[in-house]
Amino acid sequence: MRKTKEEAELTRQSLMNAAEHLFIEKGLSRTTHNDIATRAGVTRGALNWHFPEGKTSILAALLERKRQMTERLAAHLSQCEQLAHTPVTIMRLTLVQDLESLARDTRLQRILLLTSSRNEFIGEFAWVNDQLDLHMRECRDMISQTFSRGMSCGEITLRNDLTPDMAASMLLSCIKGMVTDWLLKQSLFELPNDSEKMVSTLLESVVIWQHGPVS
């Protein structure tokens, strides 16, 4: 039985992997269920068993993987902030670590590249945009709350009378744009090596350190 479960999980992962590549290569609307099954080397029946709603089920699974980034950020910030009085410094380190991890995670790269093309998510797939918007709001709220805590403990002030929400939106938009550009053309910069420099520079565009990192 254990072997059967392991084989089933391998089949499921093969189907998701095939779908990720095909959605990027052909587009979501032009990829058929048969395309996915053939690329994964399984029958159409196997696809129907693992993903009863076809591409909708596969997209839901891919978005769950993307959501884990938000959950990791929340868990790490919560755990670390209990032990320190430098919430923005901790967030800076967490963002750097996540970008460095992204540079090594080719599967997550494909998911982010796929979800960057929002014009694909129309009609029966319009719900994907709602999920992506929710993820962005959750990340923005976490960053905003971190800025607020950093201001309260005297770690930072915000530039140009920015509110925490405004600063969080600006930072998140810049990071998202930077990652998207890197995904499209990785020769633009070295994400594994340049993550710390980039995060620090973007942070310093919205915060003034009172005590904490200055480089």
N, C-alpha and C. Protein backbone atom coordinates (compact mmCIF):
# COMPACT_ATOMS: atom_id res chain seq x y z
N MET A 1 0.83 -1.21 0.00
CA MET A 1 0.00 0.00 0.00
C MET A 1 0.86 1.25 0.00
N ARG A 2 1.95 1.22 0.80
CA ARG A 2 2.82 2.40 0.87
C ARG A 2 3.42 2.70 -0.50
N LYS A 3 3.83 1.66 -1.21
CA LYS A 3 4.40 1.87 -2.53
C LYS A 3 3.37 2.46 -3.46
N THR A 4 2.11 2.00 -3.36
CA THR A 4 1.05 2.51 -4.20
C THR A 4 0.84 4.00 -3.95
N LYS A 5 0.85 4.42 -2.70
CA LYS A 5 0.69 5.83 -2.37
C LYS A 5 1.85 6.66 -2.91
N GLU A 6 3.05 6.11 -2.79
CA GLU A 6 4.22 6.82 -3.30
C GLU A 6 4.15 6.96 -4.81
N GLU A 7 3.71 5.91 -5.47
CA GLU A 7 3.58 5.97 -6.93
C GLU A 7 2.50 6.97 -7.33
N ALA A 8 1.40 7.00 -6.57
CA ALA A 8 0.33 7.95 -6.87
C ALA A 8 0.82 9.38 -6.73
N GLU A 9 1.62 9.63 -5.70
CA GLU A 9 2.15 10.98 -5.50
C GLU A 9 3.12 11.36 -6.61
N LEU A 10 3.93 10.40 -7.05
CA LEU A 10 4.84 10.66 -8.16
C LEU A 10 4.08 11.01 -9.43
N THR A 11 2.97 10.30 -9.67
CA THR A 11 2.14 10.58 -10.84
C THR A 11 1.54 11.97 -10.74
N ARG A 12 1.06 12.31 -9.55
CA ARG A 12 0.47 13.64 -9.34
C ARG A 12 1.50 14.74 -9.60
N GLN A 13 2.71 14.56 -9.08
CA GLN A 13 3.76 15.55 -9.28
C GLN A 13 4.17 15.63 -10.75
N SER A 14 4.18 14.49 -11.43
CA SER A 14 4.52 14.49 -12.86
C SER A 14 3.49 15.28 -13.67
N LEU A 15 2.22 15.12 -13.31
CA LEU A 15 1.15 15.86 -13.99
C LEU A 15 1.28 17.36 -13.74
N MET A 16 1.56 17.74 -12.50
CA MET A 16 1.73 19.16 -12.19
C MET A 16 2.94 19.73 -12.92
N ASN A 17 4.01 18.97 -12.94
CA ASN A 17 5.22 19.42 -13.62
C ASN A 17 4.97 19.60 -15.12
N ALA A 18 4.27 18.65 -15.71
CA ALA A 18 3.94 18.75 -17.14
C ALA A 18 3.06 19.96 -17.40
N ALA A 19 2.07 20.17 -16.55
CA ALA A 19 1.16 21.31 -16.73
C ALA A 19 1.90 22.63 -16.62
N GLU A 20 2.81 22.74 -15.64
CA GLU A 20 3.57 23.99 -15.47
C GLU A 20 4.31 24.35 -16.76
N HIS A 21 5.00 23.37 -17.33
CA HIS A 21 5.76 23.62 -18.55
C HIS A 21 4.83 23.98 -19.71
N LEU A 22 3.75 23.23 -19.85
CA LEU A 22 2.85 23.46 -20.98
C LEU A 22 2.11 24.79 -20.88
N PHE A 23 1.71 25.17 -19.68
CA PHE A 23 1.01 26.44 -19.51
C PHE A 23 1.91 27.60 -19.94
N ILE A 24 3.23 27.47 -19.66
CA ILE A 24 4.17 28.52 -20.05
C ILE A 24 4.46 28.45 -21.54
N GLU A 25 4.62 27.24 -22.07
CA GLU A 25 4.98 27.07 -23.48
C GLU A 25 3.83 27.41 -24.43
N LYS A 26 2.62 26.92 -24.10
CA LYS A 26 1.49 27.04 -25.02
C LYS A 26 0.43 28.03 -24.56
N GLY A 27 0.46 28.36 -23.29
CA GLY A 27 -0.61 29.18 -22.74
C GLY A 27 -1.66 28.30 -22.09
N LEU A 28 -2.33 28.84 -21.11
CA LEU A 28 -3.32 28.07 -20.36
C LEU A 28 -4.48 27.61 -21.24
N SER A 29 -5.03 28.52 -22.02
CA SER A 29 -6.22 28.18 -22.81
C SER A 29 -5.92 27.19 -23.93
N ARG A 30 -4.69 27.21 -24.45
CA ARG A 30 -4.35 26.33 -25.58
C ARG A 30 -3.82 24.96 -25.14
N THR A 31 -3.58 24.80 -23.86
CA THR A 31 -3.13 23.49 -23.35
C THR A 31 -4.34 22.62 -23.08
N THR A 32 -4.35 21.42 -23.64
CA THR A 32 -5.46 20.49 -23.43
C THR A 32 -5.11 19.49 -22.34
N HIS A 33 -6.14 18.81 -21.86
CA HIS A 33 -5.92 17.76 -20.87
C HIS A 33 -5.09 16.62 -21.46
N ASN A 34 -5.33 16.33 -22.72
CA ASN A 34 -4.54 15.29 -23.38
C ASN A 34 -3.07 15.69 -23.48
N ASP A 35 -2.82 16.99 -23.73
CA ASP A 35 -1.44 17.48 -23.77
C ASP A 35 -0.73 17.18 -22.46
N ILE A 36 -1.42 17.47 -21.36
CA ILE A 36 -0.82 17.29 -20.04
C ILE A 36 -0.54 15.82 -19.76
N ALA A 37 -1.53 14.99 -20.03
CA ALA A 37 -1.37 13.56 -19.78
C ALA A 37 -0.23 12.98 -20.62
N THR A 38 -0.17 13.39 -21.90
CA THR A 38 0.88 12.88 -22.78
C THR A 38 2.26 13.32 -22.31
N ARG A 39 2.39 14.61 -21.96
CA ARG A 39 3.69 15.11 -21.49
C ARG A 39 4.12 14.39 -20.21
N ALA A 40 3.16 14.07 -19.35
CA ALA A 40 3.49 13.39 -18.09
C ALA A 40 3.70 11.89 -18.28
N GLY A 41 3.33 11.37 -19.44
CA GLY A 41 3.51 9.95 -19.71
C GLY A 41 2.50 9.07 -19.00
N VAL A 42 1.28 9.59 -18.80
CA VAL A 42 0.23 8.83 -18.12
C VAL A 42 -1.04 8.87 -18.98
N THR A 43 -2.03 8.12 -18.56
CA THR A 43 -3.29 8.11 -19.29
C THR A 43 -4.16 9.31 -18.91
N ARG A 44 -5.13 9.59 -19.77
CA ARG A 44 -6.08 10.66 -19.45
C ARG A 44 -6.88 10.29 -18.20
N GLY A 45 -7.11 9.02 -17.99
CA GLY A 45 -7.82 8.58 -16.80
C GLY A 45 -7.05 8.91 -15.52
N ALA A 46 -5.73 8.79 -15.57
CA ALA A 46 -4.91 9.12 -14.41
C ALA A 46 -5.02 10.60 -14.09
N LEU A 47 -5.03 11.43 -15.13
CA LEU A 47 -5.18 12.87 -14.90
C LEU A 47 -6.53 13.16 -14.26
N ASN A 48 -7.59 12.53 -14.77
CA ASN A 48 -8.93 12.76 -14.23
C ASN A 48 -9.04 12.30 -12.78
N TRP A 49 -8.31 11.26 -12.43
CA TRP A 49 -8.38 10.74 -11.06
C TRP A 49 -7.68 11.69 -10.08
N HIS A 50 -6.50 12.18 -10.48
CA HIS A 50 -5.75 13.07 -9.59
C HIS A 50 -6.32 14.49 -9.58
N PHE A 51 -6.83 14.93 -10.73
CA PHE A 51 -7.34 16.30 -10.85
C PHE A 51 -8.71 16.26 -11.53
N PRO A 52 -9.76 15.96 -10.74
CA PRO A 52 -11.09 15.75 -11.31
C PRO A 52 -11.63 16.95 -12.11
N GLU A 53 -11.21 18.17 -11.75
CA GLU A 53 -11.67 19.34 -12.48
C GLU A 53 -10.62 19.83 -13.48
N GLY A 54 -9.74 18.94 -13.86
CA GLY A 54 -8.78 19.25 -14.91
C GLY A 54 -7.87 20.41 -14.58
N LYS A 55 -7.78 21.37 -15.50
CA LYS A 55 -6.85 22.49 -15.34
C LYS A 55 -7.19 23.34 -14.11
N THR A 56 -8.46 23.41 -13.77
CA THR A 56 -8.85 24.17 -12.58
C THR A 56 -8.24 23.56 -11.32
N SER A 57 -8.30 22.23 -11.21
CA SER A 57 -7.70 21.55 -10.05
C SER A 57 -6.19 21.72 -10.02
N ILE A 58 -5.56 21.65 -11.19
CA ILE A 58 -4.11 21.80 -11.25
C ILE A 58 -3.70 23.21 -10.84
N LEU A 59 -4.42 24.21 -11.32
CA LEU A 59 -4.11 25.60 -10.95
C LEU A 59 -4.26 25.81 -9.45
N ALA A 60 -5.29 25.20 -8.86
CA ALA A 60 -5.48 25.33 -7.41
C ALA A 60 -4.29 24.75 -6.66
N ALA A 61 -3.77 23.62 -7.13
CA ALA A 61 -2.59 23.01 -6.49
C ALA A 61 -1.36 23.88 -6.66
N LEU A 62 -1.20 24.48 -7.84
CA LEU A 62 -0.06 25.35 -8.07
C LEU A 62 -0.13 26.60 -7.20
N LEU A 63 -1.31 27.16 -7.05
CA LEU A 63 -1.47 28.35 -6.21
C LEU A 63 -1.20 28.03 -4.75
N GLU A 64 -1.51 26.82 -4.33
CA GLU A 64 -1.22 26.42 -2.95
C GLU A 64 0.30 26.43 -2.72
N ARG A 65 1.05 26.00 -3.71
CA ARG A 65 2.51 26.04 -3.60
C ARG A 65 2.99 27.49 -3.50
N LYS A 66 2.40 28.36 -4.29
CA LYS A 66 2.78 29.78 -4.23
C LYS A 66 2.42 30.37 -2.87
N ARG A 67 1.28 29.97 -2.34
CA ARG A 67 0.82 30.51 -1.06
C ARG A 67 1.78 30.15 0.08
N GLN A 68 2.50 29.05 -0.08
CA GLN A 68 3.44 28.65 0.96
C GLN A 68 4.52 29.70 1.19
N MET A 69 4.81 30.52 0.17
CA MET A 69 5.78 31.60 0.35
C MET A 69 5.26 32.60 1.39
N THR A 70 3.98 32.96 1.27
CA THR A 70 3.37 33.89 2.22
C THR A 70 3.34 33.29 3.61
N GLU A 71 2.98 32.02 3.70
CA GLU A 71 2.89 31.36 5.00
C GLU A 71 4.27 31.25 5.66
N ARG A 72 5.32 30.99 4.85
CA ARG A 72 6.67 30.93 5.38
C ARG A 72 7.10 32.28 5.94
N LEU A 73 6.79 33.34 5.21
CA LEU A 73 7.15 34.68 5.67
C LEU A 73 6.46 34.99 6.98
N ALA A 74 5.16 34.68 7.06
CA ALA A 74 4.40 34.96 8.28
C ALA A 74 4.94 34.18 9.47
N ALA A 75 5.21 32.90 9.26
CA ALA A 75 5.69 32.05 10.36
C ALA A 75 7.07 32.50 10.84
N HIS A 76 7.94 32.83 9.88
CA HIS A 76 9.29 33.22 10.26
C HIS A 76 9.29 34.54 11.01
N LEU A 77 8.52 35.50 10.52
CA LEU A 77 8.46 36.79 11.20
C LEU A 77 7.88 36.65 12.60
N SER A 78 6.83 35.84 12.72
CA SER A 78 6.21 35.65 14.02
C SER A 78 7.17 35.02 15.02
N GLN A 79 7.89 34.00 14.56
CA GLN A 79 8.82 33.29 15.44
C GLN A 79 9.99 34.18 15.85
N CYS A 80 10.55 34.89 14.88
CA CYS A 80 11.75 35.69 15.17
C CYS A 80 11.43 36.92 15.99
N GLU A 81 10.28 37.53 15.76
CA GLU A 81 9.97 38.77 16.45
C GLU A 81 9.69 38.55 17.94
N GLN A 82 9.44 37.31 18.31
CA GLN A 82 9.28 37.01 19.72
C GLN A 82 10.63 37.08 20.45
N LEU A 83 11.71 37.01 19.69
CA LEU A 83 13.04 36.94 20.29
C LEU A 83 13.87 38.20 20.06
N ALA A 84 13.29 39.19 19.36
CA ALA A 84 14.08 40.36 19.03
C ALA A 84 13.21 41.60 18.98
N HIS A 85 13.86 42.76 19.03
CA HIS A 85 13.15 44.04 18.96
C HIS A 85 13.54 44.78 17.69
N THR A 86 13.86 44.02 16.67
CA THR A 86 14.23 44.61 15.38
C THR A 86 13.42 43.96 14.26
N PRO A 87 12.12 44.21 14.23
CA PRO A 87 11.25 43.50 13.27
C PRO A 87 11.60 43.76 11.81
N VAL A 88 12.01 44.98 11.47
CA VAL A 88 12.31 45.28 10.06
C VAL A 88 13.62 44.62 9.64
N THR A 89 14.58 44.57 10.56
CA THR A 89 15.84 43.86 10.29
C THR A 89 15.55 42.38 10.01
N ILE A 90 14.68 41.80 10.81
CA ILE A 90 14.32 40.39 10.62
C ILE A 90 13.62 40.20 9.28
N MET A 91 12.70 41.11 8.95
CA MET A 91 12.01 41.01 7.67
C MET A 91 13.00 41.12 6.51
N ARG A 92 13.95 42.01 6.63
CA ARG A 92 14.98 42.16 5.59
C ARG A 92 15.71 40.85 5.38
N LEU A 93 16.14 40.20 6.44
CA LEU A 93 16.85 38.93 6.32
C LEU A 93 15.96 37.84 5.72
N THR A 94 14.69 37.84 6.12
CA THR A 94 13.76 36.85 5.60
C THR A 94 13.54 37.02 4.10
N LEU A 95 13.38 38.26 3.65
CA LEU A 95 13.19 38.52 2.22
C LEU A 95 14.42 38.09 1.43
N VAL A 96 15.60 38.37 1.95
CA VAL A 96 16.84 37.96 1.28
C VAL A 96 16.89 36.44 1.17
N GLN A 97 16.59 35.75 2.25
CA GLN A 97 16.63 34.28 2.24
C GLN A 97 15.62 33.71 1.26
N ASP A 98 14.42 34.31 1.19
CA ASP A 98 13.41 33.81 0.26
C ASP A 98 13.84 34.00 -1.19
N LEU A 99 14.46 35.12 -1.50
CA LEU A 99 14.93 35.34 -2.87
C LEU A 99 16.06 34.39 -3.21
N GLU A 100 16.95 34.14 -2.27
CA GLU A 100 18.03 33.19 -2.51
C GLU A 100 17.48 31.79 -2.72
N SER A 101 16.44 31.43 -1.96
CA SER A 101 15.80 30.12 -2.12
C SER A 101 15.11 30.02 -3.48
N LEU A 102 14.46 31.11 -3.89
CA LEU A 102 13.79 31.13 -5.19
C LEU A 102 14.76 30.86 -6.32
N ALA A 103 15.97 31.39 -6.20
CA ALA A 103 16.97 31.21 -7.26
C ALA A 103 17.34 29.74 -7.44
N ARG A 104 17.10 28.92 -6.42
CA ARG A 104 17.43 27.49 -6.50
C ARG A 104 16.21 26.61 -6.78
N ASP A 105 15.02 27.19 -6.72
CA ASP A 105 13.78 26.43 -6.82
C ASP A 105 13.15 26.63 -8.20
N THR A 106 13.52 25.78 -9.15
CA THR A 106 13.05 25.97 -10.52
C THR A 106 11.54 25.77 -10.65
N ARG A 107 10.99 24.91 -9.81
CA ARG A 107 9.55 24.70 -9.89
C ARG A 107 8.78 25.94 -9.45
N LEU A 108 9.21 26.54 -8.36
CA LEU A 108 8.55 27.76 -7.90
C LEU A 108 8.75 28.88 -8.93
N GLN A 109 9.89 28.90 -9.58
CA GLN A 109 10.12 29.89 -10.63
C GLN A 109 9.07 29.75 -11.73
N ARG A 110 8.77 28.51 -12.12
CA ARG A 110 7.77 28.30 -13.17
C ARG A 110 6.39 28.77 -12.72
N ILE A 111 6.05 28.50 -11.46
CA ILE A 111 4.74 28.91 -10.95
C ILE A 111 4.63 30.43 -10.94
N LEU A 112 5.67 31.10 -10.49
CA LEU A 112 5.64 32.56 -10.45
C LEU A 112 5.60 33.15 -11.86
N LEU A 113 6.32 32.53 -12.77
CA LEU A 113 6.30 33.00 -14.16
C LEU A 113 4.90 32.83 -14.75
N LEU A 114 4.30 31.71 -14.47
CA LEU A 114 2.94 31.45 -14.95
C LEU A 114 1.95 32.47 -14.41
N THR A 115 2.01 32.73 -13.12
CA THR A 115 1.04 33.63 -12.50
C THR A 115 1.32 35.09 -12.77
N SER A 116 2.45 35.41 -13.38
CA SER A 116 2.73 36.80 -13.73
C SER A 116 1.95 37.24 -14.96
N SER A 117 1.42 36.29 -15.73
CA SER A 117 0.66 36.60 -16.96
C SER A 117 -0.83 36.56 -16.66
N ARG A 118 -1.33 37.62 -16.08
CA ARG A 118 -2.71 37.63 -15.61
C ARG A 118 -3.73 37.61 -16.74
N ASN A 119 -3.33 37.99 -17.92
CA ASN A 119 -4.29 37.98 -19.03
C ASN A 119 -4.74 36.58 -19.39
N GLU A 120 -4.04 35.56 -18.88
CA GLU A 120 -4.45 34.17 -19.11
C GLU A 120 -5.66 33.81 -18.26
N PHE A 121 -5.87 34.51 -17.17
CA PHE A 121 -6.87 34.07 -16.19
C PHE A 121 -8.18 34.82 -16.41
N ILE A 122 -8.90 34.36 -17.42
CA ILE A 122 -10.20 34.93 -17.76
C ILE A 122 -11.22 33.81 -17.85
N GLY A 123 -12.50 34.20 -17.91
CA GLY A 123 -13.56 33.19 -18.03
C GLY A 123 -13.57 32.25 -16.84
N GLU A 124 -13.48 30.96 -17.12
CA GLU A 124 -13.57 29.97 -16.04
C GLU A 124 -12.36 30.01 -15.10
N PHE A 125 -11.30 30.71 -15.53
CA PHE A 125 -10.10 30.80 -14.67
C PHE A 125 -9.95 32.17 -14.01
N ALA A 126 -10.99 33.00 -14.06
CA ALA A 126 -10.90 34.34 -13.48
C ALA A 126 -10.68 34.30 -11.98
N TRP A 127 -11.09 33.23 -11.33
CA TRP A 127 -10.91 33.11 -9.88
C TRP A 127 -9.43 33.13 -9.47
N VAL A 128 -8.55 32.78 -10.42
CA VAL A 128 -7.12 32.79 -10.10
C VAL A 128 -6.66 34.21 -9.75
N ASN A 129 -7.15 35.21 -10.49
CA ASN A 129 -6.77 36.59 -10.19
C ASN A 129 -7.21 36.99 -8.79
N ASP A 130 -8.37 36.52 -8.35
CA ASP A 130 -8.82 36.82 -6.99
C ASP A 130 -7.87 36.23 -5.96
N GLN A 131 -7.39 35.01 -6.22
CA GLN A 131 -6.44 34.38 -5.31
C GLN A 131 -5.10 35.12 -5.29
N LEU A 132 -4.66 35.54 -6.46
CA LEU A 132 -3.40 36.28 -6.53
C LEU A 132 -3.51 37.62 -5.80
N ASP A 133 -4.66 38.28 -5.95
CA ASP A 133 -4.88 39.54 -5.23
C ASP A 133 -4.88 39.32 -3.73
N LEU A 134 -5.48 38.21 -3.30
CA LEU A 134 -5.50 37.89 -1.87
C LEU A 134 -4.09 37.68 -1.34
N HIS A 135 -3.27 36.94 -2.09
CA HIS A 135 -1.89 36.71 -1.68
C HIS A 135 -1.14 38.03 -1.54
N MET A 136 -1.34 38.93 -2.50
CA MET A 136 -0.66 40.22 -2.45
C MET A 136 -1.10 41.03 -1.24
N ARG A 137 -2.40 41.02 -0.94
CA ARG A 137 -2.90 41.77 0.22
C ARG A 137 -2.33 41.20 1.51
N GLU A 138 -2.25 39.88 1.59
CA GLU A 138 -1.70 39.27 2.80
C GLU A 138 -0.24 39.66 3.00
N CYS A 139 0.54 39.64 1.92
CA CYS A 139 1.94 40.03 2.01
C CYS A 139 2.07 41.51 2.37
N ARG A 140 1.26 42.34 1.72
CA ARG A 140 1.32 43.78 2.01
C ARG A 140 0.97 44.05 3.47
N ASP A 141 -0.05 43.38 3.97
CA ASP A 141 -0.46 43.60 5.36
C ASP A 141 0.63 43.18 6.33
N MET A 142 1.31 42.06 6.05
CA MET A 142 2.40 41.62 6.92
C MET A 142 3.55 42.63 6.92
N ILE A 143 3.89 43.12 5.74
CA ILE A 143 4.98 44.09 5.65
C ILE A 143 4.59 45.40 6.33
N SER A 144 3.34 45.82 6.12
CA SER A 144 2.85 47.05 6.76
C SER A 144 2.90 46.93 8.28
N GLN A 145 2.46 45.80 8.80
CA GLN A 145 2.48 45.60 10.25
C GLN A 145 3.92 45.57 10.78
N THR A 146 4.83 45.02 10.00
CA THR A 146 6.24 45.00 10.40
C THR A 146 6.80 46.42 10.44
N PHE A 147 6.48 47.22 9.45
CA PHE A 147 6.91 48.62 9.47
C PHE A 147 6.34 49.34 10.70
N SER A 148 5.07 49.09 11.00
CA SER A 148 4.46 49.75 12.16
C SER A 148 5.17 49.37 13.45
N ARG A 149 5.51 48.07 13.59
CA ARG A 149 6.23 47.63 14.79
C ARG A 149 7.64 48.23 14.84
N GLY A 150 8.27 48.33 13.67
CA GLY A 150 9.59 48.94 13.63
C GLY A 150 9.57 50.40 14.03
N MET A 151 8.52 51.10 13.66
CA MET A 151 8.38 52.50 14.05
C MET A 151 8.11 52.61 15.55
N SER A 152 7.29 51.71 16.07
CA SER A 152 6.92 51.76 17.49
C SER A 152 8.12 51.52 18.40
N CYS A 153 9.04 50.65 17.97
CA CYS A 153 10.20 50.34 18.81
C CYS A 153 11.40 51.22 18.48
N GLY A 154 11.22 52.19 17.58
CA GLY A 154 12.29 53.12 17.27
C GLY A 154 13.35 52.58 16.34
N GLU A 155 13.06 51.48 15.67
CA GLU A 155 14.05 50.91 14.75
C GLU A 155 14.15 51.71 13.46
N ILE A 156 13.00 52.20 12.96
CA ILE A 156 12.97 52.93 11.69
C ILE A 156 12.01 54.11 11.79
N THR A 157 12.14 55.01 10.83
CA THR A 157 11.07 55.93 10.47
C THR A 157 10.84 55.75 8.97
N LEU A 158 9.72 56.22 8.48
CA LEU A 158 9.42 56.09 7.06
C LEU A 158 9.70 57.41 6.35
N ARG A 159 10.19 57.31 5.15
CA ARG A 159 10.55 58.49 4.37
C ARG A 159 9.31 59.24 3.87
N ASN A 160 9.47 60.54 3.76
CA ASN A 160 8.50 61.39 3.08
C ASN A 160 7.07 61.23 3.58
N ASP A 161 6.94 61.03 4.89
CA ASP A 161 5.62 60.90 5.52
C ASP A 161 4.79 59.75 4.94
N LEU A 162 5.47 58.72 4.45
CA LEU A 162 4.75 57.53 3.98
C LEU A 162 4.01 56.87 5.13
N THR A 163 2.84 56.32 4.85
CA THR A 163 2.17 55.48 5.84
C THR A 163 2.74 54.07 5.72
N PRO A 164 2.60 53.24 6.76
CA PRO A 164 3.07 51.85 6.63
C PRO A 164 2.45 51.12 5.44
N ASP A 165 1.17 51.35 5.16
CA ASP A 165 0.53 50.70 4.01
C ASP A 165 1.16 51.15 2.69
N MET A 166 1.41 52.45 2.57
CA MET A 166 2.02 52.96 1.34
C MET A 166 3.42 52.40 1.16
N ALA A 167 4.21 52.41 2.23
CA ALA A 167 5.58 51.89 2.16
C ALA A 167 5.58 50.41 1.81
N ALA A 168 4.66 49.65 2.41
CA ALA A 168 4.57 48.22 2.14
C ALA A 168 4.19 47.96 0.69
N SER A 169 3.24 48.73 0.17
CA SER A 169 2.81 48.55 -1.22
C SER A 169 3.95 48.85 -2.18
N MET A 170 4.70 49.92 -1.89
CA MET A 170 5.82 50.28 -2.75
C MET A 170 6.90 49.21 -2.73
N LEU A 171 7.26 48.74 -1.54
CA LEU A 171 8.30 47.72 -1.42
C LEU A 171 7.90 46.43 -2.12
N LEU A 172 6.66 45.99 -1.88
CA LEU A 172 6.20 44.73 -2.46
C LEU A 172 6.13 44.83 -3.99
N SER A 173 5.66 45.96 -4.50
CA SER A 173 5.59 46.14 -5.96
C SER A 173 6.97 46.10 -6.59
N CYS A 174 7.94 46.72 -5.94
CA CYS A 174 9.30 46.74 -6.47
C CYS A 174 9.91 45.34 -6.47
N ILE A 175 9.72 44.60 -5.38
CA ILE A 175 10.25 43.24 -5.30
C ILE A 175 9.58 42.34 -6.34
N LYS A 176 8.26 42.49 -6.47
CA LYS A 176 7.53 41.67 -7.45
C LYS A 176 8.02 41.97 -8.87
N GLY A 177 8.21 43.25 -9.19
CA GLY A 177 8.71 43.61 -10.51
C GLY A 177 10.12 43.10 -10.75
N MET A 178 10.96 43.19 -9.73
CA MET A 178 12.33 42.71 -9.84
C MET A 178 12.36 41.20 -10.10
N VAL A 179 11.54 40.46 -9.36
CA VAL A 179 11.50 39.01 -9.52
C VAL A 179 10.96 38.65 -10.90
N THR A 180 9.91 39.33 -11.35
CA THR A 180 9.34 39.04 -12.66
C THR A 180 10.36 39.28 -13.77
N ASP A 181 11.09 40.40 -13.68
CA ASP A 181 12.12 40.69 -14.69
C ASP A 181 13.20 39.60 -14.68
N TRP A 182 13.59 39.15 -13.49
CA TRP A 182 14.61 38.11 -13.39
C TRP A 182 14.09 36.80 -13.98
N LEU A 183 12.83 36.47 -13.73
CA LEU A 183 12.27 35.24 -14.27
C LEU A 183 12.25 35.26 -15.80
N LEU A 184 11.98 36.43 -16.37
CA LEU A 184 11.91 36.55 -17.82
C LEU A 184 13.29 36.53 -18.47
N LYS A 185 14.27 37.12 -17.77
CA LYS A 185 15.62 37.18 -18.33
C LYS A 185 16.62 37.16 -17.19
N GLN A 186 17.07 35.98 -16.85
CA GLN A 186 17.89 35.81 -15.65
C GLN A 186 19.29 36.39 -15.80
N SER A 187 19.65 36.79 -17.01
CA SER A 187 20.97 37.40 -17.20
C SER A 187 21.00 38.86 -16.77
N LEU A 188 19.85 39.44 -16.41
CA LEU A 188 19.82 40.84 -16.01
C LEU A 188 20.63 41.09 -14.75
N PHE A 189 20.56 40.14 -13.81
CA PHE A 189 21.34 40.23 -12.58
C PHE A 189 21.41 38.85 -11.95
N GLU A 190 22.28 38.71 -10.97
CA GLU A 190 22.49 37.43 -10.30
C GLU A 190 21.67 37.39 -9.02
N LEU A 191 20.48 36.84 -9.09
CA LEU A 191 19.61 36.85 -7.92
C LEU A 191 20.24 36.16 -6.71
N PRO A 192 20.90 35.01 -6.87
CA PRO A 192 21.48 34.36 -5.68
C PRO A 192 22.52 35.23 -4.98
N ASN A 193 23.29 36.00 -5.77
CA ASN A 193 24.37 36.79 -5.20
C ASN A 193 23.96 38.23 -4.87
N ASP A 194 22.96 38.73 -5.55
CA ASP A 194 22.59 40.14 -5.42
C ASP A 194 21.37 40.39 -4.56
N SER A 195 20.78 39.34 -3.99
CA SER A 195 19.53 39.50 -3.25
C SER A 195 19.68 40.47 -2.08
N GLU A 196 20.75 40.33 -1.31
CA GLU A 196 20.92 41.18 -0.14
C GLU A 196 21.06 42.64 -0.54
N LYS A 197 21.85 42.91 -1.56
CA LYS A 197 22.05 44.27 -2.02
C LYS A 197 20.73 44.87 -2.52
N MET A 198 19.96 44.08 -3.26
CA MET A 198 18.71 44.58 -3.83
C MET A 198 17.67 44.85 -2.75
N VAL A 199 17.50 43.91 -1.82
CA VAL A 199 16.52 44.10 -0.76
C VAL A 199 16.90 45.31 0.09
N SER A 200 18.18 45.44 0.42
CA SER A 200 18.63 46.57 1.24
C SER A 200 18.36 47.89 0.53
N THR A 201 18.65 47.94 -0.76
CA THR A 201 18.43 49.17 -1.52
C THR A 201 16.95 49.52 -1.60
N LEU A 202 16.12 48.54 -1.86
CA LEU A 202 14.68 48.79 -1.94
C LEU A 202 14.12 49.23 -0.59
N LEU A 203 14.56 48.58 0.48
CA LEU A 203 14.11 48.96 1.81
C LEU A 203 14.49 50.40 2.13
N GLU A 204 15.71 50.77 1.79
CA GLU A 204 16.18 52.11 2.13
C GLU A 204 15.50 53.19 1.29
N SER A 205 14.76 52.80 0.27
CA SER A 205 13.99 53.78 -0.49
C SER A 205 12.73 54.20 0.26
N VAL A 206 12.34 53.42 1.27
CA VAL A 206 11.12 53.77 2.02
C VAL A 206 11.37 53.94 3.51
N VAL A 207 12.50 53.44 4.04
CA VAL A 207 12.75 53.56 5.47
C VAL A 207 14.04 54.32 5.76
N ILE A 208 14.10 54.92 6.92
CA ILE A 208 15.33 55.49 7.46
C ILE A 208 15.64 54.71 8.73
N TRP A 209 16.81 54.08 8.76
CA TRP A 209 17.18 53.28 9.91
C TRP A 209 17.58 54.19 11.09
N GLN A 210 16.96 53.95 12.24
CA GLN A 210 17.37 54.63 13.46
C GLN A 210 18.39 53.79 14.22
N HIS A 211 18.19 52.48 14.17
CA HIS A 211 19.21 51.52 14.58
C HIS A 211 18.92 50.25 13.82
N GLY A 212 19.93 49.63 13.30
CA GLY A 212 19.74 48.46 12.46
C GLY A 212 20.64 48.53 11.25
N PRO A 213 20.37 47.73 10.21
CA PRO A 213 21.26 47.66 9.04
C PRO A 213 21.36 49.01 8.33
N VAL A 214 22.53 49.31 7.87
CA VAL A 214 22.72 50.50 7.06
C VAL A 214 23.45 50.15 5.76
N SER A 215 23.68 48.84 5.55
CA SER A 215 24.38 48.43 4.33
C SER A 215 23.65 47.25 3.70
